[in-house]
N, C-alpha and C. Protein backbone atom coordinates (compact mmCIF):
# COMPACT_ATOMS: atom_id res chain seq x y z
N UNK A 1 0.79 -1.06 0.52
CA UNK A 1 0.06 -0.43 -0.04
C UNK A 1 0.86 1.50 -0.12
N UNK A 2 1.77 1.05 0.72
CA UNK A 2 2.59 1.96 0.71
C UNK A 2 3.68 2.87 -0.63
N UNK A 3 4.07 1.76 -1.01
CA UNK A 3 4.16 2.06 -2.33
C UNK A 3 3.55 2.49 -3.01
N UNK A 4 2.30 2.33 -3.31
CA UNK A 4 1.09 2.43 -4.59
C UNK A 4 1.05 3.79 -3.99
N UNK A 5 0.68 4.26 -2.80
CA UNK A 5 0.76 5.83 -2.63
C UNK A 5 1.99 6.64 -3.07
N UNK A 6 2.83 6.18 -2.68
CA UNK A 6 4.03 6.87 -2.85
C UNK A 6 4.18 7.63 -4.92
N UNK A 7 4.21 5.85 -4.90
CA UNK A 7 3.93 6.34 -6.50
C UNK A 7 3.09 7.39 -7.47
N UNK A 8 1.77 6.93 -6.37
CA UNK A 8 0.90 7.91 -6.80
C UNK A 8 1.20 9.58 -6.05
N UNK A 9 1.84 9.70 -5.30
CA UNK A 9 2.44 11.27 -5.48
C UNK A 9 3.80 11.36 -5.48
N UNK A 10 4.81 11.18 -6.39
CA UNK A 10 6.32 10.80 -6.16
C UNK A 10 7.09 12.50 -5.65
N UNK A 11 7.55 11.99 -3.96
CA UNK A 11 8.18 13.40 -3.70
C UNK A 11 7.40 14.14 -2.34
N UNK A 12 6.31 13.69 -2.82
CA UNK A 12 5.16 14.28 -2.06
C UNK A 12 4.79 13.85 -0.90
N UNK A 13 5.43 12.33 -0.21
CA UNK A 13 5.26 11.84 0.90
C UNK A 13 6.63 11.53 1.68
N UNK A 14 6.13 11.32 2.97
CA UNK A 14 7.14 10.55 4.01
C UNK A 14 6.39 9.23 4.21
N UNK A 15 7.09 8.20 4.07
CA UNK A 15 7.29 6.23 4.33
C UNK A 15 7.55 6.30 6.12
N UNK A 16 6.77 5.19 7.00
CA UNK A 16 7.35 5.40 7.82
C UNK A 16 6.87 3.66 8.40
N UNK A 17 7.36 2.87 9.05
CA UNK A 17 7.25 1.43 10.18
C UNK A 17 7.95 0.79 9.18
N UNK A 18 8.97 -0.10 9.86
CA UNK A 18 9.59 -0.81 9.29
C UNK A 18 10.46 -0.66 8.49
N UNK A 19 11.27 0.53 8.18
CA UNK A 19 12.04 0.99 7.92
C UNK A 19 13.42 0.50 8.69
N UNK A 20 14.66 0.25 7.35
CA UNK A 20 15.90 -0.44 7.91
C UNK A 20 16.38 0.07 7.05
N UNK A 21 17.91 0.22 6.56
CA UNK A 21 19.01 0.40 6.13
C UNK A 21 19.11 -0.60 5.17
N UNK A 22 18.45 -1.71 5.39
CA UNK A 22 18.56 -2.69 4.16
C UNK A 22 17.46 -2.04 3.01
N UNK A 23 16.38 -1.91 3.48
CA UNK A 23 14.79 -1.70 2.22
C UNK A 23 14.74 -0.25 2.26
N UNK A 24 14.97 0.52 3.01
CA UNK A 24 14.76 2.38 2.88
C UNK A 24 15.44 2.72 1.46
N UNK A 25 15.91 2.57 1.12
CA UNK A 25 16.05 3.23 -0.94
C UNK A 25 15.44 2.40 -1.13
N UNK A 26 14.60 1.24 -1.58
CA UNK A 26 13.25 0.84 -2.12
C UNK A 26 12.51 1.52 -2.40
N UNK A 27 11.71 2.37 -0.90
CA UNK A 27 10.95 3.35 -0.51
C UNK A 27 11.28 4.80 -1.02
N UNK A 28 12.73 4.87 -1.22
CA UNK A 28 12.61 6.66 -1.76
C UNK A 28 12.88 6.60 -3.26
N UNK A 29 12.99 5.61 -3.52
CA UNK A 29 13.11 4.98 -5.09
C UNK A 29 11.75 4.66 -5.84
N UNK A 30 10.91 4.36 -4.97
CA UNK A 30 9.75 4.16 -5.13
C UNK A 30 9.07 5.58 -5.33
N UNK A 31 9.65 6.51 -4.81
CA UNK A 31 8.57 8.14 -4.67
C UNK A 31 8.58 8.69 -2.92
N UNK A 32 9.28 8.18 -2.22
CA UNK A 32 9.41 8.88 -1.05
C UNK A 32 10.35 9.93 -0.83
N UNK A 33 9.99 11.72 -0.32
CA UNK A 33 10.72 12.30 -0.42
C UNK A 33 12.09 11.58 0.99
N UNK A 34 11.19 10.98 2.40
CA UNK A 34 11.85 10.83 2.90
C UNK A 34 11.74 9.66 4.07
N UNK A 35 12.35 8.68 4.55
CA UNK A 35 11.96 7.46 5.22
C UNK A 35 12.60 8.09 6.89
N UNK A 36 10.65 7.66 7.66
CA UNK A 36 10.63 7.61 9.12
C UNK A 36 11.06 6.71 9.96
N UNK A 37 12.13 6.93 10.91
CA UNK A 37 12.94 5.06 11.37
C UNK A 37 12.09 5.88 13.10
N UNK A 38 12.05 5.25 13.70
CA UNK A 38 12.34 5.10 15.07
C UNK A 38 12.95 3.31 15.21
N UNK A 39 12.69 2.79 15.36
CA UNK A 39 12.70 1.25 16.13
C UNK A 39 13.83 0.94 15.71
N UNK A 40 14.20 1.01 14.21
CA UNK A 40 15.58 0.53 13.76
C UNK A 40 16.34 0.69 14.31
N UNK A 41 16.55 1.87 15.21
CA UNK A 41 17.72 3.15 15.64
C UNK A 41 17.46 2.22 17.66
N UNK A 42 16.49 2.85 17.84
CA UNK A 42 16.08 2.38 19.19
C UNK A 42 15.60 0.76 18.98
N UNK A 43 16.51 0.32 19.26
CA UNK A 43 16.64 -1.43 19.48
C UNK A 43 16.86 -1.42 21.09
N UNK A 44 16.65 -2.75 21.49
CA UNK A 44 16.40 -2.81 22.74
C UNK A 44 16.94 -2.53 23.98
N UNK A 45 15.98 -1.08 23.86
CA UNK A 45 16.11 0.17 24.64
C UNK A 45 17.13 1.29 24.59
N UNK A 46 17.82 0.89 23.53
CA UNK A 46 18.95 1.83 23.57
C UNK A 46 19.11 2.61 22.52
N UNK A 47 19.94 3.20 21.86
CA UNK A 47 20.61 4.00 20.86
C UNK A 47 21.33 3.06 20.26
N UNK A 48 21.33 3.12 19.04
CA UNK A 48 22.64 1.70 18.42
C UNK A 48 22.88 2.91 17.18
N UNK A 49 23.55 3.37 17.75
CA UNK A 49 24.75 4.54 16.67
C UNK A 49 24.90 3.77 15.85
N UNK A 50 25.18 2.33 15.68
CA UNK A 50 25.52 1.90 14.33
C UNK A 50 24.61 2.18 13.38
N UNK A 51 23.60 1.25 13.56
CA UNK A 51 22.47 1.33 12.72
C UNK A 51 21.90 2.84 12.28
N UNK A 52 22.00 4.50 12.95
CA UNK A 52 21.43 5.40 12.27
C UNK A 52 22.65 5.42 11.47
N UNK A 53 23.39 5.27 11.47
CA UNK A 53 24.98 5.92 10.37
C UNK A 53 25.24 5.28 9.53
N UNK A 54 24.45 3.69 9.25
CA UNK A 54 24.66 3.05 8.37
C UNK A 54 23.31 3.43 7.63
N UNK A 55 22.23 3.71 7.92
CA UNK A 55 20.62 4.26 7.79
C UNK A 55 21.35 5.77 6.68
N UNK A 56 21.73 6.85 7.59
CA UNK A 56 21.84 8.22 7.02
C UNK A 56 23.47 7.63 6.30
N UNK A 57 24.04 6.40 6.03
CA UNK A 57 25.11 6.36 4.55
C UNK A 57 24.18 5.73 3.19
N UNK A 58 22.68 4.86 3.95
CA UNK A 58 22.21 4.45 2.55
C UNK A 58 21.42 5.11 2.15
N UNK A 59 20.49 6.32 2.77
CA UNK A 59 19.61 7.04 1.79
C UNK A 59 20.27 8.79 2.01
N UNK A 60 21.47 9.32 2.67
CA UNK A 60 21.53 10.59 3.36
C UNK A 60 21.13 11.46 3.88
N UNK A 61 21.14 11.93 4.95
CA UNK A 61 20.83 12.77 6.13
C UNK A 61 19.62 13.93 5.32
N UNK A 62 19.72 14.24 4.33
CA UNK A 62 18.14 15.24 3.83
C UNK A 62 17.40 14.22 3.30
N UNK A 63 16.94 12.52 3.78
CA UNK A 63 16.36 12.07 3.49
C UNK A 63 15.56 10.81 4.36
N UNK A 64 16.23 11.59 5.71
CA UNK A 64 16.04 10.95 6.83
C UNK A 64 15.40 11.32 7.76
N UNK A 65 14.09 10.84 8.54
CA UNK A 65 13.68 11.76 9.69
C UNK A 65 13.52 10.85 10.81
N UNK A 66 13.98 11.33 11.88
CA UNK A 66 14.46 10.27 12.92
C UNK A 66 13.13 10.33 13.92
N UNK A 67 12.01 9.58 14.08
CA UNK A 67 11.00 9.95 15.06
C UNK A 67 11.64 9.52 16.80
N UNK A 68 11.39 10.49 16.91
CA UNK A 68 11.64 10.54 17.93
C UNK A 68 10.61 10.66 19.43
N UNK A 69 9.21 10.02 19.09
CA UNK A 69 8.54 9.31 20.02
C UNK A 69 8.55 9.43 21.92
N UNK A 70 8.24 9.79 22.25
CA UNK A 70 8.03 10.20 23.63
C UNK A 70 7.40 9.83 24.55
N UNK A 71 7.56 9.51 25.64
CA UNK A 71 6.34 9.89 26.95
C UNK A 71 7.14 9.96 27.74
N UNK A 72 6.05 10.56 29.33
CA UNK A 72 6.61 10.95 30.56
C UNK A 72 7.29 9.88 31.45
N UNK A 73 8.64 10.18 32.18
CA UNK A 73 7.59 9.04 32.86
C UNK A 73 8.60 9.73 34.59
N UNK A 74 8.64 9.55 35.57
CA UNK A 74 9.21 10.40 36.77
C UNK A 74 9.51 10.80 36.14
N UNK A 75 8.89 12.53 35.24
CA UNK A 75 8.95 13.59 35.12
C UNK A 75 9.94 13.81 34.18
N UNK A 76 10.36 12.56 33.40
CA UNK A 76 11.05 13.10 32.29
C UNK A 76 10.55 12.28 31.21
N UNK A 77 11.40 13.01 29.75
CA UNK A 77 10.81 12.37 28.70
C UNK A 77 11.38 11.27 28.14
N UNK A 78 10.90 10.10 27.29
CA UNK A 78 11.70 8.85 27.43
C UNK A 78 11.44 8.45 26.23
N UNK A 79 12.49 8.40 24.89
CA UNK A 79 11.46 7.67 23.98
C UNK A 79 11.07 6.38 24.10
N UNK A 80 9.79 6.08 22.99
CA UNK A 80 9.17 4.78 23.40
C UNK A 80 9.19 4.27 21.90
N UNK A 81 9.15 3.11 21.68
CA UNK A 81 9.17 2.15 20.93
C UNK A 81 7.91 1.37 21.09
N UNK A 82 7.73 0.32 19.71
CA UNK A 82 6.73 -0.44 19.79
C UNK A 82 5.09 -0.31 20.14
N UNK A 83 4.77 0.65 18.62
CA UNK A 83 3.53 1.63 19.17
C UNK A 83 2.97 2.52 20.69
N UNK A 84 4.22 3.08 20.80
CA UNK A 84 4.67 3.78 21.92
C UNK A 84 3.92 3.23 23.09
N UNK A 85 4.76 1.92 23.03
CA UNK A 85 3.84 1.16 24.31
C UNK A 85 5.44 0.62 24.98
N UNK A 86 6.31 0.70 24.49
CA UNK A 86 7.94 0.69 25.45
C UNK A 86 8.88 1.37 25.65
N UNK A 87 8.87 1.63 26.61
CA UNK A 87 10.09 3.00 26.82
C UNK A 87 11.36 2.12 27.14
N UNK A 88 11.90 3.07 26.35
CA UNK A 88 13.49 3.10 25.71
C UNK A 88 14.69 3.70 27.39
N UNK A 89 15.46 3.04 27.26
CA UNK A 89 16.72 3.67 28.25
C UNK A 89 17.02 5.15 27.66
N UNK A 90 16.38 5.61 26.95
CA UNK A 90 17.08 6.96 26.39
C UNK A 90 16.40 7.97 26.81
N UNK A 91 16.50 9.09 27.23
CA UNK A 91 15.73 9.93 27.85
C UNK A 91 15.73 11.43 26.75
N UNK A 92 15.10 11.97 25.89
CA UNK A 92 15.03 13.48 25.85
C UNK A 92 15.41 14.50 26.58
N UNK A 93 17.01 14.59 25.88
CA UNK A 93 17.21 15.87 26.71
C UNK A 93 17.96 16.33 25.68
N UNK A 94 19.01 17.41 25.54
CA UNK A 94 19.42 17.79 25.04
C UNK A 94 20.90 17.44 24.25
N UNK A 95 21.88 16.55 24.58
CA UNK A 95 23.20 15.51 24.93
C UNK A 95 22.79 14.61 23.96
N UNK A 96 21.46 14.14 24.05
CA UNK A 96 21.19 13.22 22.96
C UNK A 96 21.03 13.41 21.93
N UNK A 97 20.19 14.58 22.06
CA UNK A 97 19.59 15.85 20.14
C UNK A 97 20.48 16.24 19.75
N UNK A 98 22.08 16.28 20.92
CA UNK A 98 23.14 16.58 20.15
C UNK A 98 23.76 15.35 19.51
N UNK A 99 23.58 14.43 20.00
CA UNK A 99 24.64 13.08 19.88
C UNK A 99 23.84 12.54 18.48
N UNK A 100 22.06 12.83 18.17
CA UNK A 100 21.94 12.07 17.55
C UNK A 100 21.69 12.69 15.67
N UNK A 101 22.20 14.17 16.17
CA UNK A 101 21.73 15.34 15.37
C UNK A 101 21.76 15.22 13.76
N UNK A 102 21.41 13.69 13.25
CA UNK A 102 22.41 13.51 12.12
C UNK A 102 21.30 13.86 11.55
N UNK A 103 19.66 13.86 11.37
CA UNK A 103 19.07 14.51 10.57
C UNK A 103 17.87 15.23 11.02
N UNK A 104 16.71 15.13 9.94
CA UNK A 104 15.66 15.50 10.73
C UNK A 104 14.91 15.06 11.90
N UNK A 105 13.76 15.54 12.65
CA UNK A 105 13.65 14.78 14.07
C UNK A 105 12.29 15.14 13.55
N UNK A 106 11.31 14.05 14.01
CA UNK A 106 9.90 14.66 14.19
C UNK A 106 9.64 13.72 15.87
N UNK A 107 9.05 14.86 16.18
CA UNK A 107 8.95 14.20 17.84
C UNK A 107 7.10 13.86 18.38
N UNK A 108 6.81 12.92 18.12
CA UNK A 108 5.57 12.78 19.04
C UNK A 108 5.62 13.11 20.44
N UNK A 109 4.89 14.15 20.88
CA UNK A 109 4.30 14.36 22.50
C UNK A 109 3.15 12.93 22.31
N UNK A 110 3.29 11.60 23.30
CA UNK A 110 2.63 10.09 22.68
C UNK A 110 1.37 10.73 23.63
N UNK A 111 2.03 11.17 24.48
CA UNK A 111 0.39 11.31 25.75
C UNK A 111 -0.44 12.21 25.05
N UNK A 112 -0.33 13.63 24.94
CA UNK A 112 -1.61 13.88 24.35
C UNK A 112 -1.54 13.74 22.82
N UNK A 113 -0.73 13.30 21.75
CA UNK A 113 -1.20 12.64 20.37
C UNK A 113 -2.84 12.75 20.78
N UNK A 114 -3.24 13.02 19.12
CA UNK A 114 -4.83 12.65 18.54
C UNK A 114 -5.67 12.99 20.01
N UNK A 115 -5.33 13.65 20.89
CA UNK A 115 -7.01 14.02 21.91
C UNK A 115 -6.82 15.42 22.11
N UNK A 116 -5.90 16.54 20.62
CA UNK A 116 -6.49 17.94 20.08
C UNK A 116 -6.52 18.50 21.95
N UNK A 117 -6.04 18.31 22.75
CA UNK A 117 -6.31 18.36 24.36
C UNK A 117 -5.03 19.66 24.98
N UNK A 118 -4.01 20.34 24.09
CA UNK A 118 -3.65 21.31 24.31
C UNK A 118 -1.37 20.53 24.22
N UNK A 119 -0.98 21.56 24.09
CA UNK A 119 0.36 20.66 23.94
C UNK A 119 1.39 20.61 25.79
N UNK A 120 2.51 19.74 24.78
CA UNK A 120 3.27 19.84 25.97
C UNK A 120 4.09 20.47 26.29
N UNK A 121 3.72 21.34 26.54
CA UNK A 121 4.51 22.86 26.96
C UNK A 121 5.78 22.55 27.35
N UNK A 122 5.97 21.86 28.33
CA UNK A 122 7.47 21.43 28.60
C UNK A 122 8.58 20.78 27.60
N UNK A 123 8.07 20.27 26.87
CA UNK A 123 8.55 19.14 25.69
C UNK A 123 8.76 20.43 24.40
N UNK A 124 8.08 21.33 24.50
CA UNK A 124 7.72 22.19 23.36
C UNK A 124 9.45 23.39 24.02
N UNK A 125 9.39 23.48 25.31
CA UNK A 125 10.32 24.68 25.19
C UNK A 125 11.52 23.45 25.33
N UNK A 126 11.77 22.68 25.25
CA UNK A 126 13.36 21.41 24.86
C UNK A 126 13.45 21.89 23.95
N UNK A 127 12.30 21.56 23.25
CA UNK A 127 13.09 21.40 21.53
C UNK A 127 13.39 22.63 21.25
N UNK A 128 12.20 23.74 21.42
CA UNK A 128 12.73 25.47 21.23
C UNK A 128 13.95 25.79 21.53
N UNK A 129 14.56 25.51 22.73
CA UNK A 129 15.47 25.50 23.17
C UNK A 129 17.04 25.69 22.16
N UNK A 130 17.07 24.10 22.16
CA UNK A 130 17.86 23.59 21.82
C UNK A 130 18.26 23.67 19.66
N UNK A 131 17.12 23.38 19.31
CA UNK A 131 17.00 24.50 18.06
C UNK A 131 18.12 24.36 16.80
N UNK A 132 18.58 23.01 16.94
CA UNK A 132 20.20 23.08 15.43
C UNK A 132 19.74 22.56 14.65
N UNK A 133 18.23 21.23 14.54
CA UNK A 133 18.33 21.02 12.94
C UNK A 133 16.51 21.26 13.22
N UNK A 134 16.15 20.78 11.60
CA UNK A 134 14.88 21.11 12.12
C UNK A 134 14.12 19.93 12.49
N UNK A 135 12.76 20.96 13.82
CA UNK A 135 12.44 19.51 14.19
C UNK A 135 10.75 19.65 13.93
N UNK A 136 9.95 18.86 13.62
CA UNK A 136 8.69 18.74 13.99
C UNK A 136 7.53 18.42 14.74
N UNK A 137 7.10 18.93 15.84
CA UNK A 137 6.78 18.45 16.78
C UNK A 137 4.77 17.99 16.23
N UNK A 138 4.53 17.00 17.40
CA UNK A 138 3.32 16.93 16.80
C UNK A 138 2.90 16.63 18.01
N UNK A 139 1.68 16.78 18.42
CA UNK A 139 0.89 15.93 19.30
C UNK A 139 0.37 17.54 20.37
N UNK A 140 -1.52 16.99 20.38
CA UNK A 140 -1.96 17.87 21.19
C UNK A 140 -2.77 18.80 20.90
N UNK A 141 -1.90 19.59 19.58
CA UNK A 141 -2.58 21.05 18.99
C UNK A 141 -4.12 21.04 18.87
N UNK A 142 -5.46 21.57 19.42
CA UNK A 142 -6.79 21.83 19.04
C UNK A 142 -7.09 22.88 18.82
N UNK A 143 -6.24 24.17 19.52
CA UNK A 143 -7.02 25.04 18.46
C UNK A 143 -5.70 26.03 18.17
N UNK A 144 -6.47 27.32 17.99
CA UNK A 144 -5.17 28.18 17.60
C UNK A 144 -4.37 28.98 18.36
N UNK A 145 -4.72 28.98 19.71
CA UNK A 145 -4.16 29.37 20.98
C UNK A 145 -3.02 28.50 21.60
N UNK A 146 -2.58 26.95 20.92
CA UNK A 146 -2.24 25.84 21.36
C UNK A 146 -1.25 25.96 19.91
N UNK A 147 -1.48 26.78 18.82
CA UNK A 147 -0.41 26.78 17.54
C UNK A 147 0.55 28.17 18.61
N UNK A 148 -0.16 29.31 19.24
CA UNK A 148 0.40 30.60 19.33
C UNK A 148 2.06 30.07 20.61
N UNK A 149 1.05 29.22 21.36
CA UNK A 149 2.15 28.75 22.33
C UNK A 149 3.19 27.90 22.00
N UNK A 150 3.16 26.97 20.91
CA UNK A 150 4.30 26.40 20.08
C UNK A 150 4.85 27.20 20.03
N UNK A 151 4.42 28.24 18.84
CA UNK A 151 5.61 29.65 18.32
C UNK A 151 5.96 29.81 19.37
N UNK A 152 5.70 30.21 20.58
CA UNK A 152 6.18 31.18 21.58
C UNK A 152 6.82 30.31 22.11
N UNK A 153 6.62 29.40 23.30
CA UNK A 153 7.92 28.58 23.52
C UNK A 153 8.64 27.94 22.90
N UNK A 154 8.59 26.63 21.63
CA UNK A 154 9.32 27.07 20.81
C UNK A 154 10.24 27.82 20.11
N UNK A 155 9.86 29.02 20.65
CA UNK A 155 11.54 29.88 19.98
C UNK A 155 11.12 30.30 18.32
N UNK A 156 9.62 29.70 17.92
CA UNK A 156 9.64 30.39 16.31
C UNK A 156 10.53 28.77 15.60
N UNK A 157 11.04 28.25 16.53
CA UNK A 157 12.03 27.30 16.21
C UNK A 157 11.46 25.54 15.22
N UNK A 158 10.19 25.90 15.86
CA UNK A 158 9.14 24.15 15.43
C UNK A 158 8.71 24.06 14.14
N UNK A 159 8.61 22.74 13.64
CA UNK A 159 7.22 22.98 12.37
C UNK A 159 6.39 22.12 13.31
N UNK A 160 4.98 21.72 12.76
CA UNK A 160 4.10 21.77 13.45
C UNK A 160 3.45 20.26 12.90
N UNK A 161 2.91 19.47 12.96
CA UNK A 161 1.50 18.55 12.12
C UNK A 161 0.52 18.48 13.35
N UNK A 162 -0.85 18.83 12.81
CA UNK A 162 -1.95 18.54 13.37
C UNK A 162 -2.64 17.55 12.36
N UNK A 163 -3.46 16.82 13.40
CA UNK A 163 -4.41 15.89 13.02
C UNK A 163 -6.06 15.88 13.53
N UNK A 164 -6.59 15.45 14.17
CA UNK A 164 -7.71 15.55 14.65
C UNK A 164 -8.22 16.74 14.60
N UNK A 165 -7.71 18.39 15.08
CA UNK A 165 -8.33 19.15 15.45
C UNK A 165 -8.48 19.64 13.72
N UNK A 166 -8.04 19.20 13.09
CA UNK A 166 -8.29 20.04 11.68
C UNK A 166 -9.63 19.47 11.06
N UNK A 167 -10.05 20.41 10.65
CA UNK A 167 -11.54 20.29 9.47
C UNK A 167 -11.53 19.34 8.97
N UNK A 168 -10.01 18.85 8.06
CA UNK A 168 -10.36 18.03 7.14
C UNK A 168 -10.43 16.80 7.76
N UNK A 169 -10.49 16.47 9.11
CA UNK A 169 -10.80 15.00 10.16
C UNK A 169 -11.59 14.91 10.89
N UNK A 170 -12.50 16.23 10.56
CA UNK A 170 -13.58 15.98 11.58
C UNK A 170 -13.40 17.25 12.89
N UNK A 171 -12.26 18.23 13.08
CA UNK A 171 -11.84 18.84 13.36
C UNK A 171 -12.19 20.38 13.94
N UNK A 172 -12.15 21.00 14.18
CA UNK A 172 -12.54 22.14 14.41
C UNK A 172 -11.88 23.64 13.81
N UNK A 173 -10.38 22.92 13.58
CA UNK A 173 -9.60 23.94 13.12
C UNK A 173 -9.29 23.81 11.15
N UNK A 174 -10.11 25.37 10.50
CA UNK A 174 -9.64 25.26 9.44
C UNK A 174 -8.76 25.35 8.91
N UNK A 175 -8.09 24.14 7.99
CA UNK A 175 -6.95 23.57 7.59
C UNK A 175 -6.28 25.31 6.75
N UNK A 176 -7.27 25.84 6.32
CA UNK A 176 -6.89 26.67 5.31
C UNK A 176 -6.31 28.02 6.59
N UNK A 177 -6.80 28.49 7.85
CA UNK A 177 -6.44 29.46 8.29
C UNK A 177 -5.28 28.51 8.57
N UNK A 178 -4.98 27.18 9.11
CA UNK A 178 -3.50 26.75 9.55
C UNK A 178 -2.70 27.12 9.03
N UNK A 179 -2.78 26.71 7.71
CA UNK A 179 -1.65 27.03 6.52
C UNK A 179 -1.44 28.86 6.64
N UNK A 180 -2.31 29.58 6.83
CA UNK A 180 -1.69 31.17 6.72
C UNK A 180 -0.73 31.50 8.29
N UNK A 181 -1.79 31.18 9.31
CA UNK A 181 -1.01 31.02 10.14
C UNK A 181 0.76 30.43 10.10
N UNK A 182 0.47 29.24 10.25
CA UNK A 182 1.92 29.19 10.30
C UNK A 182 3.16 29.97 9.36
N UNK A 183 2.36 30.32 8.25
CA UNK A 183 3.21 31.44 6.96
C UNK A 183 3.43 32.65 8.07
N UNK A 184 2.63 32.63 8.43
CA UNK A 184 3.04 34.19 9.33
C UNK A 184 4.25 34.06 9.99
């Protein structure tokens, strides 16, 4: 299904799920602009730097997005894998971001993802303060006040994804007004 979608919109979609250094190039050849990876790099609860390097060498950093899905535990954010159920030993903090900043990041705030109930402000502050490479934040945006807070707390350094809150998916936020807000 992924290959079919990629071929229908070459260069316009990213693909994730089951991506490895061995199969990533197939998806780029099929039309993906980027491959998105979590579990391949965060395997057995740890960062596998050799796998990250192998993937970067296979597809180039310009085609690689590292998904840093995270959940809060004991007051800290940890990378989670396996459908966001399995905590790794990896705390999301500036030193880790520096260590793995070999590509773009997609950061899911898992505890608020899909709820349109507000952003994870502490996480947004961390990502905005760090701000060394492109970071896309996902999770909790439910209205334009959330977008304004994201922009302010993230020091205008973060991209954003919005799902269930968009009118396209039955939510109350106008897709056209979101685009306009993000362009400002």
